[in-house]
PDB file of N, CA and C in Angstrom:
ATOM      1  N   UNK A   1     -53.479  68.958  57.913  1.00  0.00           N
ATOM      2  CA  UNK A   1     -53.652  70.299  58.419  1.00  0.00           C
ATOM      3  C   UNK A   1     -53.107  70.314  59.844  1.00  0.00           C
ATOM      4  N   UNK A   2     -52.331  71.310  60.156  1.00  0.00           N
ATOM      5  CA  UNK A   2     -51.671  71.407  61.454  1.00  0.00           C
ATOM      6  C   UNK A   2     -52.419  72.396  62.352  1.00  0.00           C
ATOM      7  N   UNK A   3     -52.817  71.931  63.541  1.00  0.00           N
ATOM      8  CA  UNK A   3     -53.578  72.753  64.484  1.00  0.00           C
ATOM      9  C   UNK A   3     -52.735  72.989  65.739  1.00  0.00           C
ATOM     10  N   UNK A   4     -52.472  74.249  66.037  1.00  0.00           N
ATOM     11  CA  UNK A   4     -51.762  74.601  67.268  1.00  0.00           C
ATOM     12  C   UNK A   4     -52.725  74.394  68.433  1.00  0.00           C
ATOM     13  N   UNK A   5     -52.285  73.626  69.422  1.00  0.00           N
ATOM     14  CA  UNK A   5     -53.163  73.242  70.519  1.00  0.00           C
ATOM     15  C   UNK A   5     -52.498  73.554  71.852  1.00  0.00           C
ATOM     16  N   UNK A   6     -53.234  74.247  72.707  1.00  0.00           N
ATOM     17  CA  UNK A   6     -52.773  74.564  74.059  1.00  0.00           C
ATOM     18  C   UNK A   6     -53.556  73.726  75.062  1.00  0.00           C
ATOM     19  N   UNK A   7     -52.862  73.279  76.098  1.00  0.00           N
ATOM     20  CA  UNK A   7     -53.479  72.498  77.164  1.00  0.00           C
ATOM     21  C   UNK A   7     -53.375  73.276  78.464  1.00  0.00           C
ATOM     22  N   UNK A   8     -54.447  73.231  79.250  1.00  0.00           N
ATOM     23  CA  UNK A   8     -54.485  73.954  80.513  1.00  0.00           C
ATOM     24  C   UNK A   8     -54.825  73.002  81.652  1.00  0.00           C
ATOM     25  N   UNK A   9     -54.468  73.418  82.869  1.00  0.00           N
ATOM     26  CA  UNK A   9     -54.809  72.644  84.064  1.00  0.00           C
ATOM     27  C   UNK A   9     -54.258  71.236  84.023  1.00  0.00           C
ATOM     28  N   UNK A  10     -55.069  70.310  84.496  1.00  0.00           N
ATOM     29  CA  UNK A  10     -54.651  68.912  84.617  1.00  0.00           C
ATOM     30  C   UNK A  10     -54.358  68.290  83.254  1.00  0.00           C
ATOM     31  N   UNK A  11     -54.940  68.816  82.184  1.00  0.00           N
ATOM     32  CA  UNK A  11     -54.666  68.238  80.860  1.00  0.00           C
ATOM     33  C   UNK A  11     -53.190  68.367  80.491  1.00  0.00           C
ATOM     34  N   UNK A  12     -52.535  69.413  80.994  1.00  0.00           N
ATOM     35  CA  UNK A  12     -51.093  69.576  80.759  1.00  0.00           C
ATOM     36  C   UNK A  12     -50.321  68.402  81.350  1.00  0.00           C
ATOM     37  N   UNK A  13     -50.728  67.974  82.547  1.00  0.00           N
ATOM     38  CA  UNK A  13     -50.068  66.830  83.189  1.00  0.00           C
ATOM     39  C   UNK A  13     -50.284  65.544  82.394  1.00  0.00           C
ATOM     40  N   UNK A  14     -51.497  65.346  81.903  1.00  0.00           N
ATOM     41  CA  UNK A  14     -51.806  64.120  81.168  1.00  0.00           C
ATOM     42  C   UNK A  14     -51.096  64.055  79.813  1.00  0.00           C
ATOM     43  N   UNK A  15     -50.918  65.206  79.184  1.00  0.00           N
ATOM     44  CA  UNK A  15     -50.300  65.254  77.861  1.00  0.00           C
ATOM     45  C   UNK A  15     -48.783  65.409  77.961  1.00  0.00           C
ATOM     46  N   UNK A  16     -48.319  66.023  79.040  1.00  0.00           N
ATOM     47  CA  UNK A  16     -46.883  66.187  79.250  1.00  0.00           C
ATOM     48  C   UNK A  16     -46.326  67.488  78.711  1.00  0.00           C
ATOM     49  N   UNK A  17     -47.185  68.373  78.231  1.00  0.00           N
ATOM     50  CA  UNK A  17     -46.754  69.667  77.717  1.00  0.00           C
ATOM     51  C   UNK A  17     -47.954  70.611  77.698  1.00  0.00           C
ATOM     52  N   UNK A  18     -47.683  71.880  77.536  1.00  0.00           N
ATOM     53  CA  UNK A  18     -48.786  72.847  77.468  1.00  0.00           C
ATOM     54  C   UNK A  18     -49.104  73.270  76.036  1.00  0.00           C
ATOM     55  N   UNK A  19     -48.289  72.823  75.079  1.00  0.00           N
ATOM     56  CA  UNK A  19     -48.509  73.239  73.692  1.00  0.00           C
ATOM     57  C   UNK A  19     -48.023  72.163  72.727  1.00  0.00           C
ATOM     58  N   UNK A  20     -48.852  71.859  71.743  1.00  0.00           N
ATOM     59  CA  UNK A  20     -48.503  70.894  70.705  1.00  0.00           C
ATOM     60  C   UNK A  20     -49.069  71.344  69.370  1.00  0.00           C
ATOM     61  N   UNK A  21     -48.499  70.846  68.303  1.00  0.00           N
ATOM     62  CA  UNK A  21     -49.080  70.995  66.971  1.00  0.00           C
ATOM     63  C   UNK A  21     -49.606  69.618  66.596  1.00  0.00           C
ATOM     64  N   UNK A  22     -50.904  69.552  66.287  1.00  0.00           N
ATOM     65  CA  UNK A  22     -51.550  68.268  66.023  1.00  0.00           C
ATOM     66  C   UNK A  22     -52.056  68.263  64.583  1.00  0.00           C
ATOM     67  N   UNK A  23     -51.669  67.231  63.844  1.00  0.00           N
ATOM     68  CA  UNK A  23     -52.104  67.091  62.459  1.00  0.00           C
ATOM     69  C   UNK A  23     -53.461  66.397  62.396  1.00  0.00           C
ATOM     70  N   UNK A  24     -54.372  66.992  61.642  1.00  0.00           N
ATOM     71  CA  UNK A  24     -55.692  66.416  61.410  1.00  0.00           C
ATOM     72  C   UNK A  24     -56.061  66.593  59.941  1.00  0.00           C
ATOM     73  N   UNK A  25     -57.055  65.860  59.504  1.00  0.00           N
ATOM     74  CA  UNK A  25     -57.563  65.979  58.139  1.00  0.00           C
ATOM     75  C   UNK A  25     -58.338  67.288  57.990  1.00  0.00           C
ATOM     76  N   UNK A  26     -58.446  67.779  56.761  1.00  0.00           N
ATOM     77  CA  UNK A  26     -59.301  68.937  56.507  1.00  0.00           C
ATOM     78  C   UNK A  26     -60.738  68.557  56.851  1.00  0.00           C
ATOM     79  N   UNK A  27     -61.540  69.553  57.223  1.00  0.00           N
ATOM     80  CA  UNK A  27     -62.944  69.370  57.607  1.00  0.00           C
ATOM     81  C   UNK A  27     -63.105  68.518  58.864  1.00  0.00           C
ATOM     82  N   UNK A  28     -62.134  68.569  59.748  1.00  0.00           N
ATOM     83  CA  UNK A  28     -62.234  67.896  61.041  1.00  0.00           C
ATOM     84  C   UNK A  28     -63.083  68.757  61.964  1.00  0.00           C
ATOM     85  N   UNK A  29     -64.084  68.143  62.588  1.00  0.00           N
ATOM     86  CA  UNK A  29     -64.928  68.856  63.543  1.00  0.00           C
ATOM     87  C   UNK A  29     -64.278  68.835  64.924  1.00  0.00           C
ATOM     88  N   UNK A  30     -64.775  69.658  65.806  1.00  0.00           N
ATOM     89  CA  UNK A  30     -64.283  69.655  67.187  1.00  0.00           C
ATOM     90  C   UNK A  30     -64.509  68.280  67.810  1.00  0.00           C
ATOM     91  N   UNK A  31     -65.646  67.680  67.520  1.00  0.00           N
ATOM     92  CA  UNK A  31     -65.925  66.336  68.044  1.00  0.00           C
ATOM     93  C   UNK A  31     -64.868  65.341  67.572  1.00  0.00           C
ATOM     94  N   UNK A  32     -64.533  65.402  66.279  1.00  0.00           N
ATOM     95  CA  UNK A  32     -63.494  64.517  65.741  1.00  0.00           C
ATOM     96  C   UNK A  32     -62.132  64.830  66.359  1.00  0.00           C
ATOM     97  N   UNK A  33     -61.867  66.111  66.587  1.00  0.00           N
ATOM     98  CA  UNK A  33     -60.603  66.526  67.194  1.00  0.00           C
ATOM     99  C   UNK A  33     -60.472  65.936  68.600  1.00  0.00           C
ATOM    100  N   UNK A  34     -61.572  65.934  69.351  1.00  0.00           N
ATOM    101  CA  UNK A  34     -61.557  65.324  70.689  1.00  0.00           C
ATOM    102  C   UNK A  34     -61.208  63.847  70.597  1.00  0.00           C
ATOM    103  N   UNK A  35     -61.721  63.173  69.589  1.00  0.00           N
ATOM    104  CA  UNK A  35     -61.400  61.750  69.398  1.00  0.00           C
ATOM    105  C   UNK A  35     -59.926  61.553  69.090  1.00  0.00           C
ATOM    106  N   UNK A  36     -59.377  62.432  68.263  1.00  0.00           N
ATOM    107  CA  UNK A  36     -57.940  62.368  67.946  1.00  0.00           C
ATOM    108  C   UNK A  36     -57.127  62.547  69.226  1.00  0.00           C
ATOM    109  N   UNK A  37     -57.524  63.508  70.049  1.00  0.00           N
ATOM    110  CA  UNK A  37     -56.812  63.733  71.305  1.00  0.00           C
ATOM    111  C   UNK A  37     -56.850  62.498  72.191  1.00  0.00           C
ATOM    112  N   UNK A  38     -58.021  61.883  72.316  1.00  0.00           N
ATOM    113  CA  UNK A  38     -58.156  60.706  73.191  1.00  0.00           C
ATOM    114  C   UNK A  38     -57.384  59.510  72.643  1.00  0.00           C
ATOM    115  N   UNK A  39     -57.271  59.414  71.303  1.00  0.00           N
ATOM    116  CA  UNK A  39     -56.476  58.339  70.711  1.00  0.00           C
ATOM    117  C   UNK A  39     -54.995  58.532  71.013  1.00  0.00           C
ATOM    118  N   UNK A  40     -54.519  59.770  70.896  1.00  0.00           N
ATOM    119  CA  UNK A  40     -53.097  60.057  71.131  1.00  0.00           C
ATOM    120  C   UNK A  40     -52.748  60.100  72.602  1.00  0.00           C
ATOM    121  N   UNK A  41     -53.684  60.533  73.427  1.00  0.00           N
ATOM    122  CA  UNK A  41     -53.430  60.737  74.856  1.00  0.00           C
ATOM    123  C   UNK A  41     -54.540  60.081  75.661  1.00  0.00           C
ATOM    124  N   UNK A  42     -54.421  58.771  75.846  1.00  0.00           N
ATOM    125  CA  UNK A  42     -55.466  58.004  76.536  1.00  0.00           C
ATOM    126  C   UNK A  42     -55.734  58.537  77.944  1.00  0.00           C
ATOM    127  N   UNK A  43     -54.741  59.204  78.537  1.00  0.00           N
ATOM    128  CA  UNK A  43     -54.902  59.731  79.885  1.00  0.00           C
ATOM    129  C   UNK A  43     -56.011  60.782  79.958  1.00  0.00           C
ATOM    130  N   UNK A  44     -56.339  61.402  78.842  1.00  0.00           N
ATOM    131  CA  UNK A  44     -57.403  62.411  78.838  1.00  0.00           C
ATOM    132  C   UNK A  44     -58.752  61.805  79.211  1.00  0.00           C
ATOM    133  N   UNK A  45     -58.874  60.487  79.114  1.00  0.00           N
ATOM    134  CA  UNK A  45     -60.095  59.810  79.562  1.00  0.00           C
ATOM    135  C   UNK A  45     -60.331  60.035  81.052  1.00  0.00           C
ATOM    136  N   UNK A  46     -59.270  60.369  81.787  1.00  0.00           N
ATOM    137  CA  UNK A  46     -59.385  60.596  83.233  1.00  0.00           C
ATOM    138  C   UNK A  46     -60.053  61.920  83.577  1.00  0.00           C
ATOM    139  N   UNK A  47     -60.235  62.782  82.579  1.00  0.00           N
ATOM    140  CA  UNK A  47     -60.910  64.058  82.801  1.00  0.00           C
ATOM    141  C   UNK A  47     -62.387  63.851  82.484  1.00  0.00           C
ATOM    142  N   UNK A  48     -63.250  64.123  83.468  1.00  0.00           N
ATOM    143  CA  UNK A  48     -64.681  63.918  83.247  1.00  0.00           C
ATOM    144  C   UNK A  48     -65.217  64.813  82.141  1.00  0.00           C
ATOM    145  N   UNK A  49     -64.890  66.090  82.207  1.00  0.00           N
ATOM    146  CA  UNK A  49     -65.354  67.016  81.180  1.00  0.00           C
ATOM    147  C   UNK A  49     -64.270  68.048  80.906  1.00  0.00           C
ATOM    148  N   UNK A  50     -64.252  68.502  79.677  1.00  0.00           N
ATOM    149  CA  UNK A  50     -63.381  69.617  79.334  1.00  0.00           C
ATOM    150  C   UNK A  50     -63.982  70.350  78.147  1.00  0.00           C
ATOM    151  N   UNK A  51     -63.694  71.624  78.095  1.00  0.00           N
ATOM    152  CA  UNK A  51     -64.189  72.456  77.009  1.00  0.00           C
ATOM    153  C   UNK A  51     -63.104  72.606  75.964  1.00  0.00           C
ATOM    154  N   UNK A  52     -63.542  72.867  74.760  1.00  0.00           N
ATOM    155  CA  UNK A  52     -62.636  73.185  73.663  1.00  0.00           C
ATOM    156  C   UNK A  52     -62.929  74.615  73.236  1.00  0.00           C
ATOM    157  N   UNK A  53     -61.881  75.411  73.167  1.00  0.00           N
ATOM    158  CA  UNK A  53     -62.017  76.762  72.626  1.00  0.00           C
ATOM    159  C   UNK A  53     -61.230  76.814  71.319  1.00  0.00           C
ATOM    160  N   UNK A  54     -61.796  77.486  70.337  1.00  0.00           N
ATOM    161  CA  UNK A  54     -61.132  77.674  69.053  1.00  0.00           C
ATOM    162  C   UNK A  54     -61.003  79.172  68.834  1.00  0.00           C
ATOM    163  N   UNK A  55     -59.766  79.601  68.686  1.00  0.00           N
ATOM    164  CA  UNK A  55     -59.488  81.033  68.499  1.00  0.00           C
ATOM    165  C   UNK A  55     -60.092  81.877  69.616  1.00  0.00           C
ATOM    166  N   UNK A  56     -59.908  81.394  70.845  1.00  0.00           N
ATOM    167  CA  UNK A  56     -60.289  82.094  72.075  1.00  0.00           C
ATOM    168  C   UNK A  56     -61.791  82.215  72.290  1.00  0.00           C
ATOM    169  N   UNK A  57     -62.576  81.329  71.638  1.00  0.00           N
ATOM    170  CA  UNK A  57     -64.018  81.283  71.872  1.00  0.00           C
ATOM    171  C   UNK A  57     -64.424  79.832  72.051  1.00  0.00           C
ATOM    172  N   UNK A  58     -65.290  79.579  73.066  1.00  0.00           N
ATOM    173  CA  UNK A  58     -65.754  78.213  73.273  1.00  0.00           C
ATOM    174  C   UNK A  58     -66.433  77.697  72.013  1.00  0.00           C
ATOM    175  N   UNK A  59     -66.176  76.439  71.692  1.00  0.00           N
ATOM    176  CA  UNK A  59     -66.655  75.862  70.439  1.00  0.00           C
ATOM    177  C   UNK A  59     -67.608  74.696  70.701  1.00  0.00           C
ATOM    178  N   UNK A  60     -68.555  74.532  69.792  1.00  0.00           N
ATOM    179  CA  UNK A  60     -69.448  73.383  69.835  1.00  0.00           C
ATOM    180  C   UNK A  60     -68.822  72.240  69.055  1.00  0.00           C
ATOM    181  N   UNK A  61     -69.322  71.027  69.289  1.00  0.00           N
ATOM    182  CA  UNK A  61     -68.747  69.840  68.657  1.00  0.00           C
ATOM    183  C   UNK A  61     -68.842  69.857  67.138  1.00  0.00           C
ATOM    184  N   UNK A  62     -69.800  70.585  66.572  1.00  0.00           N
ATOM    185  CA  UNK A  62     -69.982  70.556  65.128  1.00  0.00           C
ATOM    186  C   UNK A  62     -69.133  71.588  64.377  1.00  0.00           C
ATOM    187  N   UNK A  63     -68.418  72.448  65.098  1.00  0.00           N
ATOM    188  CA  UNK A  63     -67.563  73.444  64.446  1.00  0.00           C
ATOM    189  C   UNK A  63     -66.442  72.747  63.673  1.00  0.00           C
ATOM    190  N   UNK A  64     -66.235  73.155  62.426  1.00  0.00           N
ATOM    191  CA  UNK A  64     -65.150  72.594  61.611  1.00  0.00           C
ATOM    192  C   UNK A  64     -63.886  73.420  61.799  1.00  0.00           C
ATOM    193  N   UNK A  65     -62.782  72.738  62.049  1.00  0.00           N
ATOM    194  CA  UNK A  65     -61.498  73.412  62.206  1.00  0.00           C
ATOM    195  C   UNK A  65     -60.938  73.770  60.842  1.00  0.00           C
ATOM    196  N   UNK A  66     -60.197  74.871  60.804  1.00  0.00           N
ATOM    197  CA  UNK A  66     -59.565  75.275  59.554  1.00  0.00           C
ATOM    198  C   UNK A  66     -58.103  75.634  59.815  1.00  0.00           C
ATOM    199  N   UNK A  67     -57.331  75.662  58.739  1.00  0.00           N
ATOM    200  CA  UNK A  67     -55.918  75.977  58.826  1.00  0.00           C
ATOM    201  C   UNK A  67     -55.729  77.313  59.542  1.00  0.00           C
ATOM    202  N   UNK A  68     -54.819  77.344  60.492  1.00  0.00           N
ATOM    203  CA  UNK A  68     -54.546  78.563  61.238  1.00  0.00           C
ATOM    204  C   UNK A  68     -55.306  78.674  62.545  1.00  0.00           C
ATOM    205  N   UNK A  69     -56.278  77.775  62.781  1.00  0.00           N
ATOM    206  CA  UNK A  69     -57.004  77.813  64.047  1.00  0.00           C
ATOM    207  C   UNK A  69     -56.087  77.459  65.206  1.00  0.00           C
ATOM    208  N   UNK A  70     -56.390  78.035  66.342  1.00  0.00           N
ATOM    209  CA  UNK A  70     -55.694  77.721  67.589  1.00  0.00           C
ATOM    210  C   UNK A  70     -56.724  77.137  68.537  1.00  0.00           C
ATOM    211  N   UNK A  71     -56.440  75.944  69.050  1.00  0.00           N
ATOM    212  CA  UNK A  71     -57.363  75.233  69.916  1.00  0.00           C
ATOM    213  C   UNK A  71     -56.819  75.208  71.335  1.00  0.00           C
ATOM    214  N   UNK A  72     -57.718  75.357  72.314  1.00  0.00           N
ATOM    215  CA  UNK A  72     -57.351  75.248  73.723  1.00  0.00           C
ATOM    216  C   UNK A  72     -58.200  74.146  74.358  1.00  0.00           C
ATOM    217  N   UNK A  73     -57.559  73.295  75.144  1.00  0.00           N
ATOM    218  CA  UNK A  73     -58.241  72.253  75.912  1.00  0.00           C
ATOM    219  C   UNK A  73     -58.314  72.756  77.340  1.00  0.00           C
ATOM    220  N   UNK A  74     -59.561  72.957  77.821  1.00  0.00           N
ATOM    221  CA  UNK A  74     -59.781  73.596  79.111  1.00  0.00           C
ATOM    222  C   UNK A  74     -60.599  72.677  80.009  1.00  0.00           C
ATOM    223  N   UNK A  75     -59.949  72.007  80.965  1.00  0.00           N
ATOM    224  CA  UNK A  75     -60.689  71.127  81.880  1.00  0.00           C
ATOM    225  C   UNK A  75     -61.547  71.943  82.832  1.00  0.00           C
ATOM    226  N   UNK A  76     -62.597  71.265  83.331  1.00  0.00           N
ATOM    227  CA  UNK A  76     -63.425  71.893  84.363  1.00  0.00           C
ATOM    228  C   UNK A  76     -62.581  72.146  85.600  1.00  0.00           C
ATOM    229  N   UNK A  77     -62.905  73.209  86.292  1.00  0.00           N
ATOM    230  CA  UNK A  77     -62.180  73.570  87.512  1.00  0.00           C
ATOM    231  C   UNK A  77     -63.112  73.368  88.682  1.00  0.00           C
ATOM    232  N   UNK A  78     -62.597  72.725  89.721  1.00  0.00           N
ATOM    233  CA  UNK A  78     -63.392  72.566  90.942  1.00  0.00           C
ATOM    234  C   UNK A  78     -62.537  72.932  92.131  1.00  0.00           C
ATOM    235  N   UNK A  79     -63.170  73.179  93.195  1.00  0.00           N
ATOM    236  CA  UNK A  79     -62.437  73.540  94.409  1.00  0.00           C
ATOM    237  C   UNK A  79     -63.317  74.340  95.341  1.00  0.00           C
ATOM    238  N   UNK A  80     -62.720  74.777  96.407  1.00  0.00           N
ATOM    239  CA  UNK A  80     -63.534  75.473  97.389  1.00  0.00           C
ATOM    240  C   UNK A  80     -63.004  76.796  97.747  1.00  0.00           C
TER     241      UNK A  80
END
């Protein structure tokens, strides 16, 4: 199953692009998707926390991805 994935902020630097199509198995949860990302892009370990949005809504780790979903990786923002 192919998932369109957008990266924002510092995650774009770690991945090297702002958009990718990532293949995952059917019934992949957001938690599993995060593991796939960390396996493919070890640099993401450098981000303390980041949110996952699915179809423009923040998602919990137990949400199952389905064909046609669009995922966004959104790192925490800090500054003054």
